[in-house]
Amino acid sequence: MLKKLLIIPLVLISTAIFAQQNGDAKYSFGVRGYNYLEMPELLNQAKNHRYIESNFSSYIVKFNDNLYSYRLSGSYFDKSTQFSNNCEGCELATGKVKDYSVILPF
């Protein structure tokens, strides 16, 4: 809940950035700074352990030829995770979460 309360003021106080107003730039680069992912439930996983955070794991390149705009984006996520099950006396489950995606326009 605290994370959501911190994100709301950041969104409200952000200002608009006018990039490429004159259209001289033919390409742009971008980085996603923060992700808060909801993953599917595994085994008898407790509900509060389904969210995973990642930093700087997604990138985008945009090419502009003044007629079409092409966006190439990709992300890679690899993190160890550990969670407790809902049953009594159960061991902690440990493992790795991997996710990757590549988006190419055709």
PDB file of N, CA and C in Angstrom:
ATOM      1  N   MET A   1       0.824  -1.189   0.000  1.00  0.00           N
ATOM      2  CA  MET A   1       0.000   0.000   0.000  1.00  0.00           C
ATOM      3  C   MET A   1       0.865   1.248   0.000  1.00  0.00           C
ATOM      4  N   LEU A   2       1.970   1.197   0.738  1.00  0.00           N
ATOM      5  CA  LEU A   2       2.859   2.347   0.808  1.00  0.00           C
ATOM      6  C   LEU A   2       3.473   2.657  -0.551  1.00  0.00           C
ATOM      7  N   LYS A   3       3.776   1.611  -1.316  1.00  0.00           N
ATOM      8  CA  LYS A   3       4.348   1.815  -2.650  1.00  0.00           C
ATOM      9  C   LYS A   3       3.361   2.533  -3.564  1.00  0.00           C
ATOM     10  N   LYS A   4       2.091   2.157  -3.466  1.00  0.00           N
ATOM     11  CA  LYS A   4       1.077   2.824  -4.282  1.00  0.00           C
ATOM     12  C   LYS A   4       0.935   4.282  -3.894  1.00  0.00           C
ATOM     13  N   LEU A   5       1.030   4.562  -2.608  1.00  0.00           N
ATOM     14  CA  LEU A   5       0.923   5.951  -2.158  1.00  0.00           C
ATOM     15  C   LEU A   5       2.125   6.782  -2.600  1.00  0.00           C
ATOM     16  N   LEU A   6       3.273   6.167  -2.766  1.00  0.00           N
ATOM     17  CA  LEU A   6       4.448   6.887  -3.245  1.00  0.00           C
ATOM     18  C   LEU A   6       4.398   7.123  -4.749  1.00  0.00           C
ATOM     19  N   ILE A   7       3.801   6.210  -5.473  1.00  0.00           N
ATOM     20  CA  ILE A   7       3.723   6.337  -6.929  1.00  0.00           C
ATOM     21  C   ILE A   7       2.744   7.426  -7.342  1.00  0.00           C
ATOM     22  N   ILE A   8       1.629   7.564  -6.635  1.00  0.00           N
ATOM     23  CA  ILE A   8       0.607   8.547  -7.002  1.00  0.00           C
ATOM     24  C   ILE A   8       1.149   9.974  -7.020  1.00  0.00           C
ATOM     25  N   PRO A   9       1.886  10.445  -5.990  1.00  0.00           N
ATOM     26  CA  PRO A   9       2.424  11.817  -6.076  1.00  0.00           C
ATOM     27  C   PRO A   9       3.441  11.992  -7.204  1.00  0.00           C
ATOM     28  N   LEU A  10       4.218  10.959  -7.484  1.00  0.00           N
ATOM     29  CA  LEU A  10       5.177  11.071  -8.576  1.00  0.00           C
ATOM     30  C   LEU A  10       4.478  11.257  -9.921  1.00  0.00           C
ATOM     31  N   VAL A  11       3.385  10.580 -10.111  1.00  0.00           N
ATOM     32  CA  VAL A  11       2.630  10.723 -11.358  1.00  0.00           C
ATOM     33  C   VAL A  11       1.968  12.099 -11.426  1.00  0.00           C
ATOM     34  N   LEU A  12       1.450  12.571 -10.309  1.00  0.00           N
ATOM     35  CA  LEU A  12       0.743  13.848 -10.308  1.00  0.00           C
ATOM     36  C   LEU A  12       1.667  15.047 -10.493  1.00  0.00           C
ATOM     37  N   ILE A  13       2.909  14.965  -9.987  1.00  0.00           N
ATOM     38  CA  ILE A  13       3.797  16.122 -10.100  1.00  0.00           C
ATOM     39  C   ILE A  13       4.687  16.075 -11.336  1.00  0.00           C
ATOM     40  N   SER A  14       4.583  15.021 -12.114  1.00  0.00           N
ATOM     41  CA  SER A  14       5.405  14.947 -13.316  1.00  0.00           C
ATOM     42  C   SER A  14       4.894  15.961 -14.339  1.00  0.00           C
ATOM     43  N   THR A  15       5.814  16.461 -15.130  1.00  0.00           N
ATOM     44  CA  THR A  15       5.454  17.440 -16.149  1.00  0.00           C
ATOM     45  C   THR A  15       5.613  16.824 -17.525  1.00  0.00           C
ATOM     46  N   ALA A  16       4.956  17.419 -18.482  1.00  0.00           N
ATOM     47  CA  ALA A  16       5.045  16.924 -19.853  1.00  0.00           C
ATOM     48  C   ALA A  16       6.391  17.299 -20.445  1.00  0.00           C
ATOM     49  N   ILE A  17       7.003  16.368 -21.136  1.00  0.00           N
ATOM     50  CA  ILE A  17       8.279  16.600 -21.792  1.00  0.00           C
ATOM     51  C   ILE A  17       8.023  16.585 -23.291  1.00  0.00           C
ATOM     52  N   PHE A  18       8.417  17.640 -23.965  1.00  0.00           N
ATOM     53  CA  PHE A  18       8.173  17.756 -25.392  1.00  0.00           C
ATOM     54  C   PHE A  18       9.441  17.387 -26.139  1.00  0.00           C
ATOM     55  N   ALA A  19       9.578  16.125 -26.466  1.00  0.00           N
ATOM     56  CA  ALA A  19      10.746  15.648 -27.187  1.00  0.00           C
ATOM     57  C   ALA A  19      10.477  15.696 -28.679  1.00  0.00           C
ATOM     58  N   GLN A  20      11.489  15.976 -29.425  1.00  0.00           N
ATOM     59  CA  GLN A  20      11.432  15.979 -30.881  1.00  0.00           C
ATOM     60  C   GLN A  20      10.360  16.930 -31.416  1.00  0.00           C
ATOM     61  N   GLN A  21      10.345  18.150 -30.926  1.00  0.00           N
ATOM     62  CA  GLN A  21       9.366  19.121 -31.402  1.00  0.00           C
ATOM     63  C   GLN A  21       9.594  19.499 -32.859  1.00  0.00           C
ATOM     64  N   ASN A  22      10.844  19.620 -33.248  1.00  0.00           N
ATOM     65  CA  ASN A  22      11.105  20.048 -34.620  1.00  0.00           C
ATOM     66  C   ASN A  22      11.254  18.876 -35.586  1.00  0.00           C
ATOM     67  N   GLY A  23      11.305  17.655 -35.123  1.00  0.00           N
ATOM     68  CA  GLY A  23      11.329  16.491 -36.000  1.00  0.00           C
ATOM     69  C   GLY A  23      12.676  16.189 -36.626  1.00  0.00           C
ATOM     70  N   ASP A  24      13.768  16.748 -36.108  1.00  0.00           N
ATOM     71  CA  ASP A  24      15.087  16.495 -36.672  1.00  0.00           C
ATOM     72  C   ASP A  24      15.645  15.134 -36.276  1.00  0.00           C
ATOM     73  N   ALA A  25      15.270  14.631 -35.119  1.00  0.00           N
ATOM     74  CA  ALA A  25      15.811  13.363 -34.633  1.00  0.00           C
ATOM     75  C   ALA A  25      15.168  12.201 -35.376  1.00  0.00           C
ATOM     76  N   LYS A  26      15.977  11.256 -35.798  1.00  0.00           N
ATOM     77  CA  LYS A  26      15.482  10.096 -36.539  1.00  0.00           C
ATOM     78  C   LYS A  26      15.346   8.859 -35.663  1.00  0.00           C
ATOM     79  N   TYR A  27      15.799   8.933 -34.427  1.00  0.00           N
ATOM     80  CA  TYR A  27      15.699   7.777 -33.539  1.00  0.00           C
ATOM     81  C   TYR A  27      15.577   8.250 -32.095  1.00  0.00           C
ATOM     82  N   SER A  28      15.031   7.376 -31.262  1.00  0.00           N
ATOM     83  CA  SER A  28      14.877   7.637 -29.839  1.00  0.00           C
ATOM     84  C   SER A  28      15.207   6.360 -29.075  1.00  0.00           C
ATOM     85  N   PHE A  29      15.687   6.530 -27.867  1.00  0.00           N
ATOM     86  CA  PHE A  29      15.972   5.410 -26.980  1.00  0.00           C
ATOM     87  C   PHE A  29      15.170   5.586 -25.696  1.00  0.00           C
ATOM     88  N   GLY A  30      14.717   4.479 -25.125  1.00  0.00           N
ATOM     89  CA  GLY A  30      13.982   4.544 -23.873  1.00  0.00           C
ATOM     90  C   GLY A  30      14.308   3.374 -22.975  1.00  0.00           C
ATOM     91  N   VAL A  31      14.168   3.611 -21.674  1.00  0.00           N
ATOM     92  CA  VAL A  31      14.408   2.585 -20.662  1.00  0.00           C
ATOM     93  C   VAL A  31      13.264   2.635 -19.660  1.00  0.00           C
ATOM     94  N   ARG A  32      12.715   1.483 -19.349  1.00  0.00           N
ATOM     95  CA  ARG A  32      11.705   1.427 -18.300  1.00  0.00           C
ATOM     96  C   ARG A  32      12.443   1.302 -16.978  1.00  0.00           C
ATOM     97  N   GLY A  33      12.235   2.260 -16.111  1.00  0.00           N
ATOM     98  CA  GLY A  33      12.982   2.321 -14.859  1.00  0.00           C
ATOM     99  C   GLY A  33      12.476   1.397 -13.778  1.00  0.00           C
ATOM    100  N   TYR A  34      11.181   1.115 -13.737  1.00  0.00           N
ATOM    101  CA  TYR A  34      10.637   0.328 -12.635  1.00  0.00           C
ATOM    102  C   TYR A  34       9.440  -0.480 -13.125  1.00  0.00           C
ATOM    103  N   ASN A  35       9.375  -1.731 -12.744  1.00  0.00           N
ATOM    104  CA  ASN A  35       8.246  -2.616 -13.038  1.00  0.00           C
ATOM    105  C   ASN A  35       7.741  -3.221 -11.735  1.00  0.00           C
ATOM    106  N   TYR A  36       6.447  -3.348 -11.635  1.00  0.00           N
ATOM    107  CA  TYR A  36       5.821  -4.032 -10.503  1.00  0.00           C
ATOM    108  C   TYR A  36       4.900  -5.084 -11.108  1.00  0.00           C
ATOM    109  N   LEU A  37       5.363  -6.332 -11.165  1.00  0.00           N
ATOM    110  CA  LEU A  37       4.688  -7.395 -11.898  1.00  0.00           C
ATOM    111  C   LEU A  37       3.846  -8.277 -10.973  1.00  0.00           C
ATOM    112  N   GLU A  38       2.687  -8.675 -11.468  1.00  0.00           N
ATOM    113  CA  GLU A  38       1.887  -9.669 -10.770  1.00  0.00           C
ATOM    114  C   GLU A  38       2.059 -10.991 -11.495  1.00  0.00           C
ATOM    115  N   MET A  39       2.566 -11.978 -10.801  1.00  0.00           N
ATOM    116  CA  MET A  39       2.822 -13.278 -11.388  1.00  0.00           C
ATOM    117  C   MET A  39       1.690 -14.240 -11.018  1.00  0.00           C
ATOM    118  N   PRO A  40       1.482 -15.298 -11.815  1.00  0.00           N
ATOM    119  CA  PRO A  40       0.444 -16.280 -11.475  1.00  0.00           C
ATOM    120  C   PRO A  40       0.795 -17.038 -10.192  1.00  0.00           C
ATOM    121  N   GLU A  41      -0.229 -17.535  -9.544  1.00  0.00           N
ATOM    122  CA  GLU A  41      -0.038 -18.262  -8.287  1.00  0.00           C
ATOM    123  C   GLU A  41       0.580 -19.626  -8.554  1.00  0.00           C
ATOM    124  N   LEU A  42       1.559 -19.983  -7.742  1.00  0.00           N
ATOM    125  CA  LEU A  42       2.234 -21.277  -7.840  1.00  0.00           C
ATOM    126  C   LEU A  42       1.946 -22.095  -6.590  1.00  0.00           C
ATOM    127  N   LEU A  43       1.719 -23.388  -6.756  1.00  0.00           N
ATOM    128  CA  LEU A  43       1.451 -24.295  -5.647  1.00  0.00           C
ATOM    129  C   LEU A  43       0.346 -23.719  -4.762  1.00  0.00           C
ATOM    130  N   ASN A  44       0.571 -23.635  -3.465  1.00  0.00           N
ATOM    131  CA  ASN A  44      -0.384 -23.011  -2.535  1.00  0.00           C
ATOM    132  C   ASN A  44       0.200 -21.693  -2.037  1.00  0.00           C
ATOM    133  N   GLN A  45       0.659 -20.887  -2.933  1.00  0.00           N
ATOM    134  CA  GLN A  45       1.363 -19.657  -2.597  1.00  0.00           C
ATOM    135  C   GLN A  45       0.437 -18.661  -1.889  1.00  0.00           C
ATOM    136  N   ALA A  46       0.979 -18.024  -0.854  1.00  0.00           N
ATOM    137  CA  ALA A  46       0.219 -16.992  -0.150  1.00  0.00           C
ATOM    138  C   ALA A  46      -0.021 -15.817  -1.089  1.00  0.00           C
ATOM    139  N   LYS A  47      -1.126 -15.140  -0.927  1.00  0.00           N
ATOM    140  CA  LYS A  47      -1.540 -14.088  -1.855  1.00  0.00           C
ATOM    141  C   LYS A  47      -0.595 -12.890  -1.868  1.00  0.00           C
ATOM    142  N   ASN A  48       0.065 -12.601  -0.760  1.00  0.00           N
ATOM    143  CA  ASN A  48       0.904 -11.393  -0.689  1.00  0.00           C
ATOM    144  C   ASN A  48       2.279 -11.574  -1.323  1.00  0.00           C
ATOM    145  N   HIS A  49       2.601 -12.746  -1.859  1.00  0.00           N
ATOM    146  CA  HIS A  49       3.912 -12.975  -2.484  1.00  0.00           C
ATOM    147  C   HIS A  49       3.815 -13.099  -4.002  1.00  0.00           C
ATOM    148  N   ARG A  50       2.756 -12.624  -4.597  1.00  0.00           N
ATOM    149  CA  ARG A  50       2.574 -12.777  -6.039  1.00  0.00           C
ATOM    150  C   ARG A  50       3.144 -11.604  -6.830  1.00  0.00           C
ATOM    151  N   TYR A  51       3.610 -10.573  -6.165  1.00  0.00           N
ATOM    152  CA  TYR A  51       4.121  -9.383  -6.852  1.00  0.00           C
ATOM    153  C   TYR A  51       5.643  -9.359  -6.820  1.00  0.00           C
ATOM    154  N   ILE A  52       6.244  -8.998  -7.951  1.00  0.00           N
ATOM    155  CA  ILE A  52       7.696  -8.968  -8.078  1.00  0.00           C
ATOM    156  C   ILE A  52       8.105  -7.618  -8.659  1.00  0.00           C
ATOM    157  N   GLU A  53       9.176  -7.063  -8.136  1.00  0.00           N
ATOM    158  CA  GLU A  53       9.671  -5.777  -8.614  1.00  0.00           C
ATOM    159  C   GLU A  53      10.906  -5.977  -9.482  1.00  0.00           C
ATOM    160  N   SER A  54      11.085  -5.108 -10.466  1.00  0.00           N
ATOM    161  CA  SER A  54      12.308  -5.124 -11.264  1.00  0.00           C
ATOM    162  C   SER A  54      12.675  -3.703 -11.644  1.00  0.00           C
ATOM    163  N   ASN A  55      13.961  -3.496 -11.822  1.00  0.00           N
ATOM    164  CA  ASN A  55      14.472  -2.180 -12.189  1.00  0.00           C
ATOM    165  C   ASN A  55      15.254  -2.258 -13.488  1.00  0.00           C
ATOM    166  N   PHE A  56      15.010  -1.329 -14.392  1.00  0.00           N
ATOM    167  CA  PHE A  56      15.761  -1.183 -15.640  1.00  0.00           C
ATOM    168  C   PHE A  56      15.880  -2.501 -16.411  1.00  0.00           C
ATOM    169  N   SER A  57      14.749  -3.154 -16.654  1.00  0.00           N
ATOM    170  CA  SER A  57      14.791  -4.443 -17.339  1.00  0.00           C
ATOM    171  C   SER A  57      14.131  -4.405 -18.721  1.00  0.00           C
ATOM    172  N   SER A  58      13.714  -3.236 -19.188  1.00  0.00           N
ATOM    173  CA  SER A  58      13.041  -3.140 -20.472  1.00  0.00           C
ATOM    174  C   SER A  58      13.584  -1.950 -21.250  1.00  0.00           C
ATOM    175  N   TYR A  59      13.809  -2.146 -22.547  1.00  0.00           N
ATOM    176  CA  TYR A  59      14.401  -1.109 -23.386  1.00  0.00           C
ATOM    177  C   TYR A  59      13.603  -0.969 -24.674  1.00  0.00           C
ATOM    178  N   ILE A  60      13.637   0.234 -25.262  1.00  0.00           N
ATOM    179  CA  ILE A  60      12.921   0.480 -26.506  1.00  0.00           C
ATOM    180  C   ILE A  60      13.761   1.387 -27.394  1.00  0.00           C
ATOM    181  N   VAL A  61      13.739   1.102 -28.684  1.00  0.00           N
ATOM    182  CA  VAL A  61      14.401   1.927 -29.693  1.00  0.00           C
ATOM    183  C   VAL A  61      13.340   2.273 -30.729  1.00  0.00           C
ATOM    184  N   LYS A  62      13.251   3.550 -31.068  1.00  0.00           N
ATOM    185  CA  LYS A  62      12.256   4.000 -32.037  1.00  0.00           C
ATOM    186  C   LYS A  62      12.958   4.687 -33.194  1.00  0.00           C
ATOM    187  N   PHE A  63      12.676   4.228 -34.405  1.00  0.00           N
ATOM    188  CA  PHE A  63      13.218   4.821 -35.616  1.00  0.00           C
ATOM    189  C   PHE A  63      12.098   5.563 -36.336  1.00  0.00           C
ATOM    190  N   ASN A  64      12.395   6.731 -36.838  1.00  0.00           N
ATOM    191  CA  ASN A  64      11.397   7.539 -37.518  1.00  0.00           C
ATOM    192  C   ASN A  64      11.931   7.944 -38.884  1.00  0.00           C
ATOM    193  N   ASP A  65      11.199   7.613 -39.965  1.00  0.00           N
ATOM    194  CA  ASP A  65      11.632   8.013 -41.304  1.00  0.00           C
ATOM    195  C   ASP A  65      10.689   9.060 -41.902  1.00  0.00           C
ATOM    196  N   ASN A  66       9.992   9.807 -41.037  1.00  0.00           N
ATOM    197  CA  ASN A  66       9.045  10.869 -41.397  1.00  0.00           C
ATOM    198  C   ASN A  66       7.808  10.359 -42.116  1.00  0.00           C
ATOM    199  N   LEU A  67       7.672   9.078 -42.291  1.00  0.00           N
ATOM    200  CA  LEU A  67       6.445   8.505 -42.834  1.00  0.00           C
ATOM    201  C   LEU A  67       5.903   7.448 -41.881  1.00  0.00           C
ATOM    202  N   TYR A  68       6.782   6.577 -41.434  1.00  0.00           N
ATOM    203  CA  TYR A  68       6.417   5.534 -40.487  1.00  0.00           C
ATOM    204  C   TYR A  68       7.348   5.606 -39.289  1.00  0.00           C
ATOM    205  N   SER A  69       6.853   5.099 -38.176  1.00  0.00           N
ATOM    206  CA  SER A  69       7.652   5.018 -36.968  1.00  0.00           C
ATOM    207  C   SER A  69       7.743   3.553 -36.555  1.00  0.00           C
ATOM    208  N   TYR A  70       8.946   3.056 -36.401  1.00  0.00           N
ATOM    209  CA  TYR A  70       9.181   1.658 -36.037  1.00  0.00           C
ATOM    210  C   TYR A  70       9.685   1.602 -34.604  1.00  0.00           C
ATOM    211  N   ARG A  71       9.057   0.761 -33.802  1.00  0.00           N
ATOM    212  CA  ARG A  71       9.468   0.609 -32.400  1.00  0.00           C
ATOM    213  C   ARG A  71       9.932  -0.819 -32.166  1.00  0.00           C
ATOM    214  N   LEU A  72      11.144  -0.949 -31.713  1.00  0.00           N
ATOM    215  CA  LEU A  72      11.704  -2.244 -31.339  1.00  0.00           C
ATOM    216  C   LEU A  72      11.849  -2.243 -29.824  1.00  0.00           C
ATOM    217  N   SER A  73      11.251  -3.202 -29.161  1.00  0.00           N
ATOM    218  CA  SER A  73      11.358  -3.231 -27.711  1.00  0.00           C
ATOM    219  C   SER A  73      11.644  -4.639 -27.238  1.00  0.00           C
ATOM    220  N   GLY A  74      12.295  -4.721 -26.110  1.00  0.00           N
ATOM    221  CA  GLY A  74      12.623  -6.004 -25.521  1.00  0.00           C
ATOM    222  C   GLY A  74      12.816  -5.881 -24.027  1.00  0.00           C
ATOM    223  N   SER A  75      12.583  -6.965 -23.342  1.00  0.00           N
ATOM    224  CA  SER A  75      12.790  -6.974 -21.898  1.00  0.00           C
ATOM    225  C   SER A  75      13.278  -8.354 -21.472  1.00  0.00           C
ATOM    226  N   TYR A  76      14.022  -8.367 -20.396  1.00  0.00           N
ATOM    227  CA  TYR A  76      14.523  -9.616 -19.835  1.00  0.00           C
ATOM    228  C   TYR A  76      14.469  -9.506 -18.321  1.00  0.00           C
ATOM    229  N   PHE A  77      13.955 -10.542 -17.691  1.00  0.00           N
ATOM    230  CA  PHE A  77      13.782 -10.552 -16.242  1.00  0.00           C
ATOM    231  C   PHE A  77      14.232 -11.894 -15.717  1.00  0.00           C
ATOM    232  N   ASP A  78      15.133 -11.895 -14.746  1.00  0.00           N
ATOM    233  CA  ASP A  78      15.634 -13.121 -14.139  1.00  0.00           C
ATOM    234  C   ASP A  78      15.883 -12.832 -12.661  1.00  0.00           C
ATOM    235  N   LYS A  79      15.101 -13.456 -11.801  1.00  0.00           N
ATOM    236  CA  LYS A  79      15.215 -13.153 -10.375  1.00  0.00           C
ATOM    237  C   LYS A  79      14.909 -14.400  -9.553  1.00  0.00           C
ATOM    238  N   SER A  80      15.621 -14.574  -8.472  1.00  0.00           N
ATOM    239  CA  SER A  80      15.326 -15.670  -7.539  1.00  0.00           C
ATOM    240  C   SER A  80      14.162 -15.260  -6.651  1.00  0.00           C
ATOM    241  N   THR A  81      13.332 -16.219  -6.300  1.00  0.00           N
ATOM    242  CA  THR A  81      12.182 -15.923  -5.455  1.00  0.00           C
ATOM    243  C   THR A  81      12.023 -17.015  -4.402  1.00  0.00           C
ATOM    244  N   GLN A  82      11.385 -16.658  -3.313  1.00  0.00           N
ATOM    245  CA  GLN A  82      11.132 -17.587  -2.220  1.00  0.00           C
ATOM    246  C   GLN A  82       9.793 -17.203  -1.606  1.00  0.00           C
ATOM    247  N   PHE A  83       8.927 -18.176  -1.376  1.00  0.00           N
ATOM    248  CA  PHE A  83       7.625 -17.875  -0.797  1.00  0.00           C
ATOM    249  C   PHE A  83       7.176 -19.021   0.081  1.00  0.00           C
ATOM    250  N   SER A  84       6.254 -18.704   0.979  1.00  0.00           N
ATOM    251  CA  SER A  84       5.708 -19.730   1.869  1.00  0.00           C
ATOM    252  C   SER A  84       4.357 -20.181   1.339  1.00  0.00           C
ATOM    253  N   ASN A  85       4.025 -21.428   1.621  1.00  0.00           N
ATOM    254  CA  ASN A  85       2.739 -21.976   1.214  1.00  0.00           C
ATOM    255  C   ASN A  85       1.689 -21.685   2.279  1.00  0.00           C
ATOM    256  N   ASN A  86       0.428 -21.877   1.927  1.00  0.00           N
ATOM    257  CA  ASN A  86      -0.673 -21.614   2.863  1.00  0.00           C
ATOM    258  C   ASN A  86      -0.864 -22.709   3.898  1.00  0.00           C
ATOM    259  N   CYS A  87      -0.269 -23.859   3.715  1.00  0.00           N
ATOM    260  CA  CYS A  87      -0.483 -24.958   4.651  1.00  0.00           C
ATOM    261  C   CYS A  87       0.450 -24.844   5.855  1.00  0.00           C
ATOM    262  N   GLU A  88       0.047 -25.465   6.959  1.00  0.00           N
ATOM    263  CA  GLU A  88       0.868 -25.440   8.170  1.00  0.00           C
ATOM    264  C   GLU A  88       1.978 -26.485   8.060  1.00  0.00           C
ATOM    265  N   GLY A  89       3.182 -26.138   8.490  1.00  0.00           N
ATOM    266  CA  GLY A  89       4.295 -27.064   8.472  1.00  0.00           C
ATOM    267  C   GLY A  89       4.930 -27.252   7.111  1.00  0.00           C
ATOM    268  N   CYS A  90       4.530 -26.497   6.128  1.00  0.00           N
ATOM    269  CA  CYS A  90       5.107 -26.625   4.791  1.00  0.00           C
ATOM    270  C   CYS A  90       6.446 -25.897   4.716  1.00  0.00           C
ATOM    271  N   GLU A  91       7.306 -26.403   3.880  1.00  0.00           N
ATOM    272  CA  GLU A  91       8.599 -25.757   3.690  1.00  0.00           C
ATOM    273  C   GLU A  91       8.453 -24.517   2.821  1.00  0.00           C
ATOM    274  N   LEU A  92       9.489 -23.691   2.843  1.00  0.00           N
ATOM    275  CA  LEU A  92       9.533 -22.545   1.941  1.00  0.00           C
ATOM    276  C   LEU A  92       9.868 -23.046   0.540  1.00  0.00           C
ATOM    277  N   ALA A  93       9.184 -22.536  -0.441  1.00  0.00           N
ATOM    278  CA  ALA A  93       9.468 -22.890  -1.833  1.00  0.00           C
ATOM    279  C   ALA A  93      10.437 -21.864  -2.400  1.00  0.00           C
ATOM    280  N   THR A  94      11.483 -22.326  -3.067  1.00  0.00           N
ATOM    281  CA  THR A  94      12.456 -21.425  -3.680  1.00  0.00           C
ATOM    282  C   THR A  94      12.571 -21.756  -5.162  1.00  0.00           C
ATOM    283  N   GLY A  95      12.931 -20.754  -5.931  1.00  0.00           N
ATOM    284  CA  GLY A  95      13.083 -20.972  -7.362  1.00  0.00           C
ATOM    285  C   GLY A  95      13.473 -19.695  -8.070  1.00  0.00           C
ATOM    286  N   LYS A  96      13.439 -19.747  -9.384  1.00  0.00           N
ATOM    287  CA  LYS A  96      13.782 -18.591 -10.210  1.00  0.00           C
ATOM    288  C   LYS A  96      12.589 -18.228 -11.082  1.00  0.00           C
ATOM    289  N   VAL A  97      12.435 -16.927 -11.289  1.00  0.00           N
ATOM    290  CA  VAL A  97      11.417 -16.410 -12.189  1.00  0.00           C
ATOM    291  C   VAL A  97      12.148 -15.823 -13.385  1.00  0.00           C
ATOM    292  N   LYS A  98      11.827 -16.319 -14.579  1.00  0.00           N
ATOM    293  CA  LYS A  98      12.433 -15.796 -15.803  1.00  0.00           C
ATOM    294  C   LYS A  98      11.331 -15.365 -16.754  1.00  0.00           C
ATOM    295  N   ASP A  99      11.541 -14.227 -17.367  1.00  0.00           N
ATOM    296  CA  ASP A  99      10.585 -13.721 -18.327  1.00  0.00           C
ATOM    297  C   ASP A  99      11.348 -12.898 -19.353  1.00  0.00           C
ATOM    298  N   TYR A 100      11.032 -13.087 -20.606  1.00  0.00           N
ATOM    299  CA  TYR A 100      11.649 -12.278 -21.645  1.00  0.00           C
ATOM    300  C   TYR A 100      10.645 -12.036 -22.764  1.00  0.00           C
ATOM    301  N   SER A 101      10.803 -10.916 -23.421  1.00  0.00           N
ATOM    302  CA  SER A 101       9.919 -10.608 -24.549  1.00  0.00           C
ATOM    303  C   SER A 101      10.658  -9.722 -25.521  1.00  0.00           C
ATOM    304  N   VAL A 102      10.330  -9.906 -26.795  1.00  0.00           N
ATOM    305  CA  VAL A 102      10.869  -9.085 -27.883  1.00  0.00           C
ATOM    306  C   VAL A 102       9.706  -8.725 -28.783  1.00  0.00           C
ATOM    307  N   ILE A 103       9.567  -7.449 -29.067  1.00  0.00           N
ATOM    308  CA  ILE A 103       8.480  -6.995 -29.928  1.00  0.00           C
ATOM    309  C   ILE A 103       9.094  -6.312 -31.150  1.00  0.00           C
ATOM    310  N   LEU A 104       8.831  -6.899 -32.315  1.00  0.00           N
ATOM    311  CA  LEU A 104       9.325  -6.358 -33.582  1.00  0.00           C
ATOM    312  C   LEU A 104       8.126  -6.061 -34.477  1.00  0.00           C
ATOM    313  N   PRO A 105       8.040  -4.868 -35.027  1.00  0.00           N
ATOM    314  CA  PRO A 105       6.905  -4.573 -35.909  1.00  0.00           C
ATOM    315  C   PRO A 105       7.112  -5.171 -37.295  1.00  0.00           C
ATOM    316  N   PHE A 106       6.038  -5.652 -37.897  1.00  0.00           N
ATOM    317  CA  PHE A 106       6.095  -6.169 -39.268  1.00  0.00           C
ATOM    318  C   PHE A 106       4.991  -5.541 -40.072  1.00  0.00           C
TER     319      PHE A 106
END
